[in-house]
Amino acid sequence: MSWIHIFFALILLLAIAAGMIRILRGPTAADRMMTAQLFGTCGVAILLLLSAGMASPVLVDIALVFALLAALATLTFVRRTWQDPGKKRHGYPLL
């Protein structure tokens, strides 16, 4: 593993640490969701860096699963948060 992989992985970890501040202070749910997306993106990038640095293709598969889960989390958040205010879905009241 070269120093450049470690350097960029540390930068991504710092971005995650900065995102923790936004999670704690975020005034809206959308801010917190965007930070969660940042976590997912940084996690995928770190796994890809580690995969390239350690020559481990298994980490690429794990990164792909993380990317899929991040997309599903975003889709779920959008469906639960931004809905038509006068419309009921499946007979359940809106949250």
Foldseek 3Di string as FASTA:
>chain_A
DDVVLVVVLVVLVVLLVVLVVCCVVPPDPVSNLVSVLSVLVSVLVNLVSVCVVVVPCVSNVVSVVSVVVNVVVVVVCCVLPDDDQVDDDPPDHHD
